Amino acid sequence: MNQQLQDRLNQIPDKILTEEFLKSQGLGNEIGFWIFDYPAEDELQVREYLSFLQGFLDKKHAQLKVININLLQAMRDYLDQRSFTDKAIQMQKTKGDQALLKALSGPLHMDKFAPFLMEHSRAAEHDIVLISGVGSVWPVLRAHNLLNKLHALLGHKPLVLFYPGHYSGQSLALFNKIPSNNYYRAFKLVP
């Protein structure tokens, strides 16, 4: 277990249960989007913690509605709903990864996927939105595209993206190896 990561994870409840966080106050008119970055090799530790956090919040803070959206499961649900899952698997087997990525770029465009994600998860009905599974859906879905689209759909509702990589406060590097040239209007949840 990564003790430094565990210490950071343990700070999350105190952070997300504050009035300032829940009301997205004190952010200088910025959006209430937060990123919790972590070493990709500690993915299982973060998944376990998210399960614990959900149970803790459900038990000790039942008045709060919190949802953890796993992007891999959401993407599968989306493709299933569109009867595309079996076709995608077959295409990957016969034509390869690049052909599949190209074929999925239309159906999984954020103008289509982000509204599905919001409706399917009923995110607007929750007080806090947690998003995980970023590494599992790369390169099919990109975090910066999702955040940009969700901003318009969620407004000031607090969202925490759990990110397997590094967030500098301005740019993301997935798996600490794949840099992004995009600027993000999000805050680091726990330094």
C-alpha atoms as a PDB file:
ATOM      1  CA  MET A   1       0.000   0.000   0.000  1.00  0.00           C
ATOM      2  CA  ASN A   2       1.199   3.489  -0.854  1.00  0.00           C
ATOM      3  CA  GLN A   3       1.060   5.274   2.523  1.00  0.00           C
ATOM      4  CA  GLN A   4       1.528   8.751   1.059  1.00  0.00           C
ATOM      5  CA  LEU A   5      -1.440   8.152  -1.236  1.00  0.00           C
ATOM      6  CA  GLN A   6      -3.482   6.751   1.650  1.00  0.00           C
ATOM      7  CA  ASP A   7      -2.779   9.906   3.658  1.00  0.00           C
ATOM      8  CA  ARG A   8      -4.069  12.007   0.747  1.00  0.00           C
ATOM      9  CA  LEU A   9      -7.132   9.786   0.291  1.00  0.00           C
ATOM     10  CA  ASN A  10      -7.935  10.119   3.987  1.00  0.00           C
ATOM     11  CA  GLN A  11      -8.196  13.903   3.544  1.00  0.00           C
ATOM     12  CA  ILE A  12     -10.998  13.619   0.982  1.00  0.00           C
ATOM     13  CA  PRO A  13     -14.000  13.388   3.359  1.00  0.00           C
ATOM     14  CA  ASP A  14     -12.981  16.509   5.282  1.00  0.00           C
ATOM     15  CA  LYS A  15     -12.572  18.370   2.011  1.00  0.00           C
ATOM     16  CA  ILE A  16     -15.798  17.318   0.272  1.00  0.00           C
ATOM     17  CA  LEU A  17     -18.020  17.718   3.323  1.00  0.00           C
ATOM     18  CA  THR A  18     -17.339  21.437   3.751  1.00  0.00           C
ATOM     19  CA  GLU A  19     -20.048  23.957   2.876  1.00  0.00           C
ATOM     20  CA  GLU A  20     -17.578  25.743   0.605  1.00  0.00           C
ATOM     21  CA  PHE A  21     -17.057  22.567  -1.424  1.00  0.00           C
ATOM     22  CA  LEU A  22     -20.721  21.579  -1.545  1.00  0.00           C
ATOM     23  CA  LYS A  23     -21.779  25.060  -2.674  1.00  0.00           C
ATOM     24  CA  SER A  24     -18.717  25.656  -4.873  1.00  0.00           C
ATOM     25  CA  GLN A  25     -17.984  28.819  -2.911  1.00  0.00           C
ATOM     26  CA  GLY A  26     -14.723  30.686  -2.683  1.00  0.00           C
ATOM     27  CA  LEU A  27     -13.576  29.590  -6.110  1.00  0.00           C
ATOM     28  CA  GLY A  28     -13.459  33.063  -7.667  1.00  0.00           C
ATOM     29  CA  ASN A  29     -16.314  32.354 -10.077  1.00  0.00           C
ATOM     30  CA  GLU A  30     -14.566  29.211 -11.262  1.00  0.00           C
ATOM     31  CA  ILE A  31     -16.351  25.922 -11.718  1.00  0.00           C
ATOM     32  CA  GLY A  32     -16.633  23.383  -8.903  1.00  0.00           C
ATOM     33  CA  PHE A  33     -14.527  20.759 -10.667  1.00  0.00           C
ATOM     34  CA  TRP A  34     -11.766  19.041  -8.755  1.00  0.00           C
ATOM     35  CA  ILE A  35      -9.109  16.518  -9.717  1.00  0.00           C
ATOM     36  CA  PHE A  36      -7.584  13.940  -7.417  1.00  0.00           C
ATOM     37  CA  ASP A  37      -4.469  12.688  -9.167  1.00  0.00           C
ATOM     38  CA  TYR A  38      -2.591   9.580  -8.121  1.00  0.00           C
ATOM     39  CA  PRO A  39       0.051   7.179  -9.438  1.00  0.00           C
ATOM     40  CA  ALA A  40      -1.557   4.864 -11.996  1.00  0.00           C
ATOM     41  CA  GLU A  41       0.082   1.842 -10.385  1.00  0.00           C
ATOM     42  CA  ASP A  42      -2.067   2.509  -7.296  1.00  0.00           C
ATOM     43  CA  GLU A  43      -5.357   2.177  -9.194  1.00  0.00           C
ATOM     44  CA  LEU A  44      -6.584  -0.739  -7.070  1.00  0.00           C
ATOM     45  CA  GLN A  45      -5.939   1.171  -3.847  1.00  0.00           C
ATOM     46  CA  VAL A  46      -7.987   4.101  -5.173  1.00  0.00           C
ATOM     47  CA  ARG A  47     -10.822   1.802  -6.272  1.00  0.00           C
ATOM     48  CA  GLU A  48     -10.939   0.241  -2.810  1.00  0.00           C
ATOM     49  CA  TYR A  49     -10.963   3.677  -1.231  1.00  0.00           C
ATOM     50  CA  LEU A  50     -13.812   4.860  -3.458  1.00  0.00           C
ATOM     51  CA  SER A  51     -15.864   1.872  -2.344  1.00  0.00           C
ATOM     52  CA  PHE A  52     -15.093   2.719   1.283  1.00  0.00           C
ATOM     53  CA  LEU A  53     -15.869   6.419   0.718  1.00  0.00           C
ATOM     54  CA  GLN A  54     -19.242   5.660  -0.851  1.00  0.00           C
ATOM     55  CA  GLY A  55     -20.183   3.427   2.097  1.00  0.00           C
ATOM     56  CA  PHE A  56     -18.944   5.983   4.624  1.00  0.00           C
ATOM     57  CA  LEU A  57     -20.924   8.802   3.037  1.00  0.00           C
ATOM     58  CA  ASP A  58     -24.049   6.653   2.679  1.00  0.00           C
ATOM     59  CA  LYS A  59     -23.859   5.668   6.347  1.00  0.00           C
ATOM     60  CA  LYS A  60     -22.610   8.807   8.096  1.00  0.00           C
ATOM     61  CA  HIS A  61     -23.935  11.498   5.761  1.00  0.00           C
ATOM     62  CA  ALA A  62     -27.090   9.956   4.353  1.00  0.00           C
ATOM     63  CA  GLN A  63     -28.560  13.398   3.628  1.00  0.00           C
ATOM     64  CA  LEU A  64     -25.953  13.835   0.878  1.00  0.00           C
ATOM     65  CA  LYS A  65     -26.557  12.211  -2.468  1.00  0.00           C
ATOM     66  CA  VAL A  66     -23.207  11.106  -3.858  1.00  0.00           C
ATOM     67  CA  ILE A  67     -22.659   9.163  -7.056  1.00  0.00           C
ATOM     68  CA  ASN A  68     -19.495   7.494  -8.300  1.00  0.00           C
ATOM     69  CA  ILE A  69     -19.629   7.157 -12.067  1.00  0.00           C
ATOM     70  CA  ASN A  70     -17.259   4.517 -13.407  1.00  0.00           C
ATOM     71  CA  LEU A  71     -16.511   5.560 -16.973  1.00  0.00           C
ATOM     72  CA  LEU A  72     -15.844   2.038 -18.215  1.00  0.00           C
ATOM     73  CA  GLN A  73     -19.234   0.821 -17.007  1.00  0.00           C
ATOM     74  CA  ALA A  74     -20.938   3.950 -18.342  1.00  0.00           C
ATOM     75  CA  MET A  75     -19.299   3.541 -21.739  1.00  0.00           C
ATOM     76  CA  ARG A  76     -20.359  -0.092 -21.888  1.00  0.00           C
ATOM     77  CA  ASP A  77     -23.938   0.823 -20.916  1.00  0.00           C
ATOM     78  CA  TYR A  78     -23.950   3.484 -23.622  1.00  0.00           C
ATOM     79  CA  LEU A  79     -22.676   1.107 -26.292  1.00  0.00           C
ATOM     80  CA  ASP A  80     -25.117  -1.596 -25.146  1.00  0.00           C
ATOM     81  CA  GLN A  81     -28.018   0.842 -25.373  1.00  0.00           C
ATOM     82  CA  ARG A  82     -27.029   1.649 -28.936  1.00  0.00           C
ATOM     83  CA  SER A  83     -26.538  -2.067 -29.777  1.00  0.00           C
ATOM     84  CA  PHE A  84     -22.911  -1.372 -30.598  1.00  0.00           C
ATOM     85  CA  THR A  85     -20.993  -3.500 -28.074  1.00  0.00           C
ATOM     86  CA  ASP A  86     -20.929  -6.769 -30.032  1.00  0.00           C
ATOM     87  CA  LYS A  87     -20.177  -4.916 -33.268  1.00  0.00           C
ATOM     88  CA  ALA A  88     -17.297  -3.095 -31.577  1.00  0.00           C
ATOM     89  CA  ILE A  89     -15.809  -6.331 -30.229  1.00  0.00           C
ATOM     90  CA  GLN A  90     -16.061  -7.970 -33.644  1.00  0.00           C
ATOM     91  CA  MET A  91     -14.526  -4.945 -35.358  1.00  0.00           C
ATOM     92  CA  GLN A  92     -11.595  -4.936 -32.953  1.00  0.00           C
ATOM     93  CA  LYS A  93     -10.984  -8.642 -33.643  1.00  0.00           C
ATOM     94  CA  THR A  94     -11.163  -8.346 -37.426  1.00  0.00           C
ATOM     95  CA  LYS A  95      -9.901  -4.836 -38.182  1.00  0.00           C
ATOM     96  CA  GLY A  96      -7.816  -3.913 -35.135  1.00  0.00           C
ATOM     97  CA  ASP A  97      -7.599  -1.177 -32.556  1.00  0.00           C
ATOM     98  CA  GLN A  98      -7.177   1.795 -34.886  1.00  0.00           C
ATOM     99  CA  ALA A  99     -10.249   0.908 -36.928  1.00  0.00           C
ATOM    100  CA  LEU A 100     -12.247   0.511 -33.730  1.00  0.00           C
ATOM    101  CA  LEU A 101     -11.062   3.861 -32.358  1.00  0.00           C
ATOM    102  CA  LYS A 102     -12.061   5.538 -35.599  1.00  0.00           C
ATOM    103  CA  ALA A 103     -15.459   3.823 -35.619  1.00  0.00           C
ATOM    104  CA  LEU A 104     -16.153   4.783 -31.993  1.00  0.00           C
ATOM    105  CA  SER A 105     -15.147   8.421 -32.387  1.00  0.00           C
ATOM    106  CA  GLY A 106     -18.579   9.320 -33.771  1.00  0.00           C
ATOM    107  CA  PRO A 107     -20.821   7.402 -31.364  1.00  0.00           C
ATOM    108  CA  LEU A 108     -18.681   8.380 -28.377  1.00  0.00           C
ATOM    109  CA  HIS A 109     -18.354  12.049 -29.283  1.00  0.00           C
ATOM    110  CA  MET A 110     -18.853  14.109 -26.133  1.00  0.00           C
ATOM    111  CA  ASP A 111     -21.885  15.861 -27.625  1.00  0.00           C
ATOM    112  CA  LYS A 112     -23.576  12.454 -27.444  1.00  0.00           C
ATOM    113  CA  PHE A 113     -21.837  10.641 -24.599  1.00  0.00           C
ATOM    114  CA  ALA A 114     -21.809  13.412 -21.962  1.00  0.00           C
ATOM    115  CA  PRO A 115     -25.598  13.973 -22.075  1.00  0.00           C
ATOM    116  CA  PHE A 116     -26.098  10.191 -21.881  1.00  0.00           C
ATOM    117  CA  LEU A 117     -23.771  10.053 -18.887  1.00  0.00           C
ATOM    118  CA  MET A 118     -25.712  12.783 -17.103  1.00  0.00           C
ATOM    119  CA  GLU A 119     -29.098  11.229 -17.828  1.00  0.00           C
ATOM    120  CA  HIS A 120     -28.068   7.610 -17.221  1.00  0.00           C
ATOM    121  CA  SER A 121     -26.434   8.403 -13.863  1.00  0.00           C
ATOM    122  CA  ARG A 122     -28.999  11.057 -12.933  1.00  0.00           C
ATOM    123  CA  ALA A 123     -25.997  13.135 -11.872  1.00  0.00           C
ATOM    124  CA  ALA A 124     -28.015  16.353 -11.628  1.00  0.00           C
ATOM    125  CA  GLU A 125     -30.003  14.807  -8.763  1.00  0.00           C
ATOM    126  CA  HIS A 126     -26.861  14.302  -6.672  1.00  0.00           C
ATOM    127  CA  ASP A 127     -24.971  16.684  -4.415  1.00  0.00           C
ATOM    128  CA  ILE A 128     -21.522  15.378  -5.373  1.00  0.00           C
ATOM    129  CA  VAL A 129     -20.400  13.638  -8.557  1.00  0.00           C
ATOM    130  CA  LEU A 130     -17.320  11.405  -8.423  1.00  0.00           C
ATOM    131  CA  ILE A 131     -15.876  10.091 -11.682  1.00  0.00           C
ATOM    132  CA  SER A 132     -13.471   7.166 -11.877  1.00  0.00           C
ATOM    133  CA  GLY A 133     -12.215   4.766 -14.524  1.00  0.00           C
ATOM    134  CA  VAL A 134     -10.390   7.360 -16.630  1.00  0.00           C
ATOM    135  CA  GLY A 135      -7.468   5.046 -17.359  1.00  0.00           C
ATOM    136  CA  SER A 136      -9.760   2.174 -18.326  1.00  0.00           C
ATOM    137  CA  VAL A 137     -11.402   4.104 -21.156  1.00  0.00           C
ATOM    138  CA  TRP A 138      -8.322   5.781 -22.611  1.00  0.00           C
ATOM    139  CA  PRO A 139      -7.789   6.427 -25.540  1.00  0.00           C
ATOM    140  CA  VAL A 140     -11.452   6.003 -26.475  1.00  0.00           C
ATOM    141  CA  LEU A 141     -12.567   8.733 -24.060  1.00  0.00           C
ATOM    142  CA  ARG A 142     -10.382  11.673 -23.052  1.00  0.00           C
ATOM    143  CA  ALA A 143     -10.690  13.350 -19.668  1.00  0.00           C
ATOM    144  CA  HIS A 144     -10.308  16.906 -20.972  1.00  0.00           C
ATOM    145  CA  ASN A 145     -13.118  16.465 -23.503  1.00  0.00           C
ATOM    146  CA  LEU A 146     -15.390  15.022 -20.841  1.00  0.00           C
ATOM    147  CA  LEU A 147     -14.650  17.791 -18.318  1.00  0.00           C
ATOM    148  CA  ASN A 148     -15.230  20.498 -20.904  1.00  0.00           C
ATOM    149  CA  LYS A 149     -18.604  19.062 -21.885  1.00  0.00           C
ATOM    150  CA  LEU A 150     -19.723  18.291 -18.322  1.00  0.00           C
ATOM    151  CA  HIS A 151     -19.052  21.874 -17.283  1.00  0.00           C
ATOM    152  CA  ALA A 152     -21.920  23.031 -19.489  1.00  0.00           C
ATOM    153  CA  LEU A 153     -24.183  20.252 -18.196  1.00  0.00           C
ATOM    154  CA  LEU A 154     -23.397  20.353 -14.463  1.00  0.00           C
ATOM    155  CA  GLY A 155     -22.831  24.033 -13.859  1.00  0.00           C
ATOM    156  CA  HIS A 156     -21.586  24.609 -10.318  1.00  0.00           C
ATOM    157  CA  LYS A 157     -22.312  21.128  -8.958  1.00  0.00           C
ATOM    158  CA  PRO A 158     -19.115  19.777  -7.360  1.00  0.00           C
ATOM    159  CA  LEU A 159     -17.402  17.074  -9.376  1.00  0.00           C
ATOM    160  CA  VAL A 160     -14.264  15.130  -8.489  1.00  0.00           C
ATOM    161  CA  LEU A 161     -12.372  13.337 -11.239  1.00  0.00           C
ATOM    162  CA  PHE A 162     -10.067  10.582  -9.983  1.00  0.00           C
ATOM    163  CA  TYR A 163      -7.135  10.718 -12.377  1.00  0.00           C
ATOM    164  CA  PRO A 164      -4.405   8.071 -12.769  1.00  0.00           C
ATOM    165  CA  GLY A 165      -1.531  10.369 -13.562  1.00  0.00           C
ATOM    166  CA  HIS A 166      -0.395  13.861 -12.673  1.00  0.00           C
ATOM    167  CA  TYR A 167      -2.322  17.125 -12.571  1.00  0.00           C
ATOM    168  CA  SER A 168      -0.123  20.226 -12.379  1.00  0.00           C
ATOM    169  CA  GLY A 169      -3.033  22.562 -11.733  1.00  0.00           C
ATOM    170  CA  GLN A 170      -3.138  23.437 -15.422  1.00  0.00           C
ATOM    171  CA  SER A 171      -2.454  20.312 -17.434  1.00  0.00           C
ATOM    172  CA  LEU A 172      -2.917  16.573 -17.121  1.00  0.00           C
ATOM    173  CA  ALA A 173      -0.459  13.766 -17.855  1.00  0.00           C
ATOM    174  CA  LEU A 174      -2.226  10.416 -17.996  1.00  0.00           C
ATOM    175  CA  PHE A 175      -0.198   7.606 -16.422  1.00  0.00           C
ATOM    176  CA  ASN A 176       2.466  10.320 -15.824  1.00  0.00           C
ATOM    177  CA  LYS A 177       3.522   9.677 -19.429  1.00  0.00           C
ATOM    178  CA  ILE A 178       0.935  11.034 -21.838  1.00  0.00           C
ATOM    179  CA  PRO A 179       0.907  14.829 -21.636  1.00  0.00           C
ATOM    180  CA  SER A 180      -2.068  16.906 -22.602  1.00  0.00           C
ATOM    181  CA  ASN A 181      -1.762  20.319 -24.171  1.00  0.00           C
ATOM    182  CA  ASN A 182      -5.162  21.364 -22.899  1.00  0.00           C
ATOM    183  CA  TYR A 183      -5.776  23.763 -20.016  1.00  0.00           C
ATOM    184  CA  TYR A 184      -8.203  22.597 -17.359  1.00  0.00           C
ATOM    185  CA  ARG A 185     -10.329  24.831 -15.188  1.00  0.00           C
ATOM    186  CA  ALA A 186     -10.256  22.463 -12.262  1.00  0.00           C
ATOM    187  CA  PHE A 187      -8.666  22.503  -8.845  1.00  0.00           C
ATOM    188  CA  LYS A 188      -6.458  19.932  -7.209  1.00  0.00           C
ATOM    189  CA  LEU A 189      -8.596  18.301  -4.506  1.00  0.00           C
ATOM    190  CA  VAL A 190      -5.759  17.268  -2.186  1.00  0.00           C
ATOM    191  CA  PRO A 191      -2.205  18.471  -2.958  1.00  0.00           C
END
